[in-house]
Protein backbone atom coordinates (compact mmCIF):
# COMPACT_ATOMS: atom_id res chain seq x y z
CA MET A 1 -10.38 -1.17 -13.04
CA ALA A 2 -10.03 0.36 -9.39
CA GLY A 3 -9.01 -2.76 -7.73
CA GLY A 4 -6.19 -3.48 -10.30
CA ARG A 5 -4.79 -0.09 -9.54
CA TYR A 6 -4.88 -0.69 -5.89
CA LEU A 7 -3.19 -4.03 -6.30
CA LEU A 8 -0.25 -2.61 -8.04
CA LEU A 9 -0.10 0.32 -5.44
CA LEU A 10 -0.14 -2.58 -2.64
CA MET A 11 2.72 -4.36 -4.25
CA MET A 12 5.17 -1.53 -4.26
CA PRO A 13 6.42 -1.65 -0.78
CA LEU A 14 7.65 -5.07 -1.67
CA LEU A 15 9.11 -3.81 -4.98
CA ALA A 16 11.40 -0.99 -3.86
CA GLY A 17 14.73 -2.47 -5.11
CA CYS A 18 17.98 -2.27 -3.48
CA GLY A 19 17.90 -1.08 0.20
CA GLU A 20 17.00 -2.24 3.79
CA ARG A 21 15.16 -5.52 3.98
CA VAL A 22 13.53 -7.26 6.82
CA ARG A 23 13.49 -10.95 5.28
CA VAL A 24 14.89 -12.92 2.46
CA THR A 25 13.65 -16.10 1.10
CA THR A 26 16.70 -18.54 1.11
CA ARG A 27 17.98 -19.06 4.81
CA PHE A 28 20.39 -21.44 6.67
CA GLU A 29 19.08 -23.27 9.60
CA LEU A 30 20.99 -23.04 13.00
CA PRO A 31 21.00 -26.68 14.63
CA THR A 32 18.43 -27.39 17.28
CA ARG A 33 19.65 -30.52 18.93
CA ALA A 34 21.60 -29.77 22.01
CA ASP A 35 24.15 -32.58 21.54
CA GLU A 36 25.25 -31.23 18.09
CA GLN A 37 28.45 -29.10 17.83
CA PRO A 38 28.51 -27.63 14.39
CA ARG A 39 31.75 -26.13 13.31
CA CYS A 40 31.39 -24.43 9.99
CA PRO A 41 34.67 -22.79 9.08
CA TYR A 42 34.64 -19.31 7.60
CA THR A 43 37.35 -16.74 7.22
CA TRP A 44 36.19 -13.36 8.21
CA ARG A 45 36.52 -10.85 5.47
CA ARG A 46 36.91 -7.08 5.83
CA GLY A 47 33.38 -5.40 5.90
CA ASP A 48 31.89 -8.42 7.40
CA SER A 49 29.54 -8.10 10.55
CA TRP A 50 27.29 -10.14 12.46
CA PRO A 51 24.26 -8.34 11.46
CA LEU A 52 25.33 -8.89 7.68
CA MET A 53 25.72 -12.65 8.22
CA ALA A 54 22.46 -12.94 10.15
CA TRP A 55 20.64 -10.99 7.33
CA ALA A 56 22.40 -13.00 4.62
CA VAL A 57 22.00 -16.46 6.16
CA LEU A 58 19.26 -16.45 8.87
CA ASP A 59 16.97 -13.72 7.20
CA SER A 60 17.11 -11.32 10.17
CA PRO A 61 19.67 -8.88 11.25
CA GLU A 62 18.05 -9.06 14.66
CA ASP A 63 19.48 -12.46 15.08
CA ALA A 64 23.14 -11.11 14.92
CA ARG A 65 23.54 -11.24 18.62
CA ALA A 66 22.49 -14.82 18.93
CA LEU A 67 24.83 -15.83 16.01
CA ALA A 68 27.73 -14.18 17.55
CA VAL A 69 27.22 -15.79 20.80
CA SER A 70 26.68 -19.21 19.47
CA SER A 71 29.81 -18.85 17.42
CA GLY A 72 31.78 -18.10 20.48
CA TYR A 73 31.82 -14.36 20.48
CA GLU A 74 30.40 -11.88 22.87
CA ALA A 75 27.72 -9.44 21.73
CA GLY A 76 29.28 -6.66 19.73
CA GLU A 77 32.55 -8.48 19.50
CA SER A 78 33.66 -9.27 15.70
CA PRO A 79 36.62 -11.23 14.63
CA ASP A 80 39.60 -9.54 12.84
CA PRO A 81 39.66 -9.55 9.02
CA GLY A 82 41.45 -12.66 7.89
CA GLN A 83 40.82 -14.46 11.00
CA ASP A 84 39.53 -18.08 10.77
CA ILE A 85 36.32 -18.72 12.75
CA TYR A 86 33.81 -21.57 13.36
CA VAL A 87 30.17 -20.42 12.82
CA ALA A 88 27.41 -22.02 14.68
CA LEU A 89 26.14 -23.56 11.36
CA ASP A 90 26.30 -27.07 10.00
CA SER A 91 29.90 -27.77 8.49
CA ARG A 92 28.68 -28.87 5.33
CA LEU A 93 27.46 -25.27 4.72
CA ALA A 94 31.09 -24.06 4.53
CA GLU A 95 31.16 -23.24 0.75
CA ALA A 96 27.55 -22.06 0.82
CA LEU A 97 28.25 -19.60 3.60
CA LYS A 98 31.43 -18.31 1.83
CA ALA A 99 29.35 -17.79 -1.46
CA ARG A 100 26.43 -16.26 0.60
CA MET A 101 28.61 -13.81 2.45
CA SER A 102 30.54 -12.83 -0.80
CA ALA A 103 27.20 -12.01 -2.53
CA ALA A 104 25.97 -10.14 0.56
CA ARG A 105 28.88 -7.84 0.41
CA MET A 106 28.21 -7.22 -3.36
CA VAL A 107 24.67 -6.45 -2.64
CA ARG A 108 25.65 -4.00 -0.01
CA GLU A 109 27.94 -2.33 -2.33
CA ALA A 110 25.48 -2.29 -5.25
CA THR A 111 22.89 -0.53 -2.85
CA LYS A 112 25.36 2.18 -1.99
CA ALA A 113 26.24 2.65 -5.74
CA ARG A 114 22.58 2.86 -6.42
CA GLU A 115 21.93 5.45 -3.81
CA SER A 116 24.84 7.62 -5.12
CA GLY A 117 23.33 7.36 -8.61
CA ASP A 118 25.77 5.09 -10.15
CA ARG A 119 23.41 2.69 -11.65
CA ALA A 120 25.87 0.94 -13.86
CA THR A 121 28.11 -0.12 -11.00
CA ALA A 122 25.10 -1.07 -9.11
CA CYS A 123 23.93 -3.38 -12.03
CA SER A 124 27.44 -4.88 -12.39
CA LEU A 125 27.76 -5.57 -8.81
CA LEU A 126 24.32 -7.48 -8.70
CA VAL A 127 25.49 -9.65 -11.49
CA GLU A 128 28.40 -10.56 -10.02
CA ALA A 129 26.37 -11.39 -6.68
CA ILE A 130 24.12 -13.60 -8.63
CA GLU A 131 27.13 -15.38 -10.22
CA GLU A 132 28.35 -15.81 -6.78
CA ASP A 133 25.23 -17.33 -5.21
CA SER A 134 22.55 -17.95 -7.88
CA SER A 135 20.08 -19.49 -5.02
CA TRP A 136 19.73 -16.24 -3.38
CA SER A 137 16.80 -14.19 -4.37
CA VAL A 138 17.95 -10.78 -3.12
CA PRO A 139 20.46 -9.83 -5.84
CA VAL A 140 17.92 -11.43 -8.33
CA TYR A 141 15.26 -9.46 -7.22
CA ASP A 142 17.36 -6.04 -7.10
CA LEU A 143 18.52 -6.78 -10.64
CA GLY A 144 14.84 -7.33 -11.97
CA ILE A 145 13.93 -4.01 -10.33
CA HIS A 146 16.98 -2.42 -12.11
CA TYR A 147 16.02 -3.79 -15.53
CA LEU A 148 12.27 -2.96 -15.15
CA GLU A 149 13.18 0.83 -14.17
CA ASP A 150 15.29 0.82 -17.33
CA GLY A 151 12.49 -0.43 -19.44
CA ARG A 152 14.09 -3.86 -20.06
CA ARG A 153 11.01 -6.00 -19.08
CA HIS A 154 12.04 -8.93 -21.37
CA ARG A 155 15.53 -9.02 -19.44
CA ALA A 156 13.90 -8.63 -16.01
CA VAL A 157 11.68 -11.64 -16.75
CA GLU A 158 14.73 -13.70 -17.84
CA VAL A 159 16.74 -12.94 -14.58
CA LEU A 160 13.69 -13.60 -12.28
CA ARG A 161 12.21 -16.77 -13.86
CA PRO A 162 14.65 -19.29 -12.33
CA LEU A 163 13.57 -18.23 -8.76
CA ALA A 164 9.93 -17.83 -9.64
CA HIS A 165 9.27 -20.24 -6.73
CA LYS A 166 10.35 -17.74 -4.23
CA TYR A 167 7.53 -15.32 -2.91
CA ARG A 168 9.25 -11.95 -3.58
CA ILE A 169 10.25 -12.99 -7.00
CA ALA A 170 6.79 -14.40 -7.60
CA LEU A 171 5.29 -11.29 -6.57
CA LEU A 172 7.38 -9.15 -8.76
CA LEU A 173 6.66 -11.49 -11.79
CA ALA A 174 2.96 -11.36 -10.89
CA ARG A 175 3.03 -7.51 -10.97
CA ILE A 176 4.78 -7.65 -14.53
CA ALA A 177 1.98 -10.16 -15.71
CA TRP A 178 -0.73 -8.06 -14.24
CA ASP A 179 0.57 -4.80 -16.07
CA ASP A 180 0.71 -6.96 -19.38
CA GLY A 181 -2.95 -8.04 -18.96
CA ARG A 182 -2.10 -11.74 -18.30
CA THR A 183 -4.35 -11.96 -15.40
CA ALA A 184 -4.18 -15.71 -15.33
CA ASP A 185 -0.49 -15.81 -15.19
CA ALA A 186 -0.56 -13.08 -12.33
CA LEU A 187 -2.94 -15.13 -10.21
CA ARG A 188 -0.85 -18.30 -10.59
CA LEU A 189 2.32 -16.42 -9.51
CA LEU A 190 0.27 -14.83 -6.79
CA GLU A 191 -0.63 -18.28 -5.57
CA THR A 192 3.15 -19.33 -5.76
CA ALA A 193 3.93 -16.44 -3.57
CA LEU A 194 1.08 -17.67 -1.05
CA LEU A 195 2.86 -21.19 -0.57
CA ASP A 196 5.75 -19.38 1.32
CA PRO A 197 5.53 -20.61 4.91
CA ASP A 198 4.76 -17.40 6.23
CA PRO A 199 3.74 -14.92 3.50
CA PRO A 200 3.72 -11.11 4.30
CA THR A 201 0.31 -9.47 4.74
CA GLU A 202 1.15 -7.60 1.75
CA VAL A 203 1.18 -10.78 -0.26
CA LEU A 204 -2.20 -11.85 1.31
CA ALA A 205 -3.66 -8.50 0.43
CA ALA A 206 -2.38 -8.71 -3.22
CA CYS A 207 -3.83 -12.00 -3.79
CA GLY A 208 -7.25 -11.09 -1.95
CA ILE A 209 -7.55 -8.06 -4.26
CA ALA A 210 -6.76 -10.07 -7.17
CA TYR A 211 -9.22 -12.68 -6.52
CA THR A 212 -11.87 -9.99 -5.73
CA VAL A 213 -11.13 -8.37 -9.10
CA THR A 214 -11.31 -11.59 -11.12
CA GLY A 215 -14.63 -12.78 -9.36
CA ASN A 216 -13.00 -15.63 -7.15
CA LEU A 217 -15.01 -14.45 -4.38
CA TYR A 218 -14.52 -17.80 -2.21
CA GLN A 219 -10.88 -17.66 -2.35
CA ALA A 220 -10.95 -13.83 -1.57
CA ALA A 221 -12.98 -14.07 1.64
CA SER A 222 -10.47 -16.89 3.02
CA ILE A 223 -7.49 -14.33 2.25
CA TRP A 224 -9.38 -11.41 3.93
CA ARG A 225 -10.29 -13.47 6.80
CA ARG A 226 -6.51 -14.30 7.45
CA ILE A 227 -5.66 -10.64 7.46
CA LEU A 228 -8.45 -9.58 9.78
CA ALA A 229 -7.26 -12.56 12.20
CA ASP A 230 -3.80 -10.99 12.33
CA PRO A 231 -3.52 -8.37 14.96
CA ASP A 232 -0.08 -7.26 13.47
CA ALA A 233 -1.41 -6.57 10.03
CA PRO A 234 -1.09 -3.02 8.78
CA SER A 235 -4.01 -0.77 9.46
CA ASP A 236 -4.47 0.09 5.88
CA LEU A 237 -4.81 -3.61 4.85
CA ARG A 238 -6.94 -4.30 7.83
CA LEU A 239 -9.26 -1.64 6.56
CA GLU A 240 -9.09 -3.02 3.21
CA ALA A 241 -10.09 -6.30 4.68
CA VAL A 242 -13.07 -4.75 6.49
CA ARG A 243 -14.20 -2.89 3.32
CA TYR A 244 -14.35 -6.33 1.23
CA ALA A 245 -16.22 -7.89 4.07
CA LEU A 246 -18.84 -5.10 4.22
CA GLY A 247 -19.07 -5.31 0.26
CA GLN A 248 -19.65 -9.00 0.63
CA GLN A 249 -22.35 -8.65 2.94
CA SER A 250 -24.16 -5.88 0.61
CA ARG A 251 -23.60 -8.53 -2.50
CA GLU A 252 -25.17 -11.28 -0.42
CA GLN A 253 -28.27 -8.99 0.94
CA ARG A 254 -28.93 -7.88 -2.85
CA SER A 255 -28.70 -11.63 -3.85
CA LEU A 256 -31.24 -12.48 -1.09
CA GLU A 257 -33.47 -9.48 -2.37
CA ASP A 258 -33.49 -10.56 -5.75
CA THR A 259 -34.26 -14.19 -5.09
CA PRO A 260 -37.98 -14.96 -6.02
């Protein structure tokens, strides 16, 4: 079915494997109360950077400057390797921060290895990253992609399933289920992805197409309206929403004409 094929194509930008990302699904929170003075100890490691830390713990490299300044450093200034610093995070996150940064360095090296064609090293590094921080979806997602590309679908599902409540993982599992013809499972996983506080437009569109293809027109209409209401939505997805709206209008018109 055409809608099903488009659904898979739509998912592909989110299923790209190791590489540049704009958000992750497990983030730490900067304190918001002015009277709090968080002192989260961390030993700066070789290869660390504020953009890497901002990506790993705050979801966004663009927050690197704010993280550096709030931790007592000028923009563009970094500690020396081995230097003990205090990051502007809750002190109770010290062990979690250490694990997350270790995993982030491994994911970065895995990306380099993958890009150079050394898939075995990339896989090994991703496994280590998951062992270091099993709550982080990024290495889990990348390893799942790696196994899928190698044709090891069952192994991919085993790796992904523990974090199926996170939107990127849920979307990848939905793709697998859709490929396997397990439509109900795919819809359930897409609905899980929708539970993210701010699901990407691609997630909304994937859900909209799945609902349309399976005849859940009420849910589909709600999703397409959300996309049309978003001025920042990609033009191709807004066009798809317009097409749906026009198709729905045509269906309603035919229904009225068929009514005695």
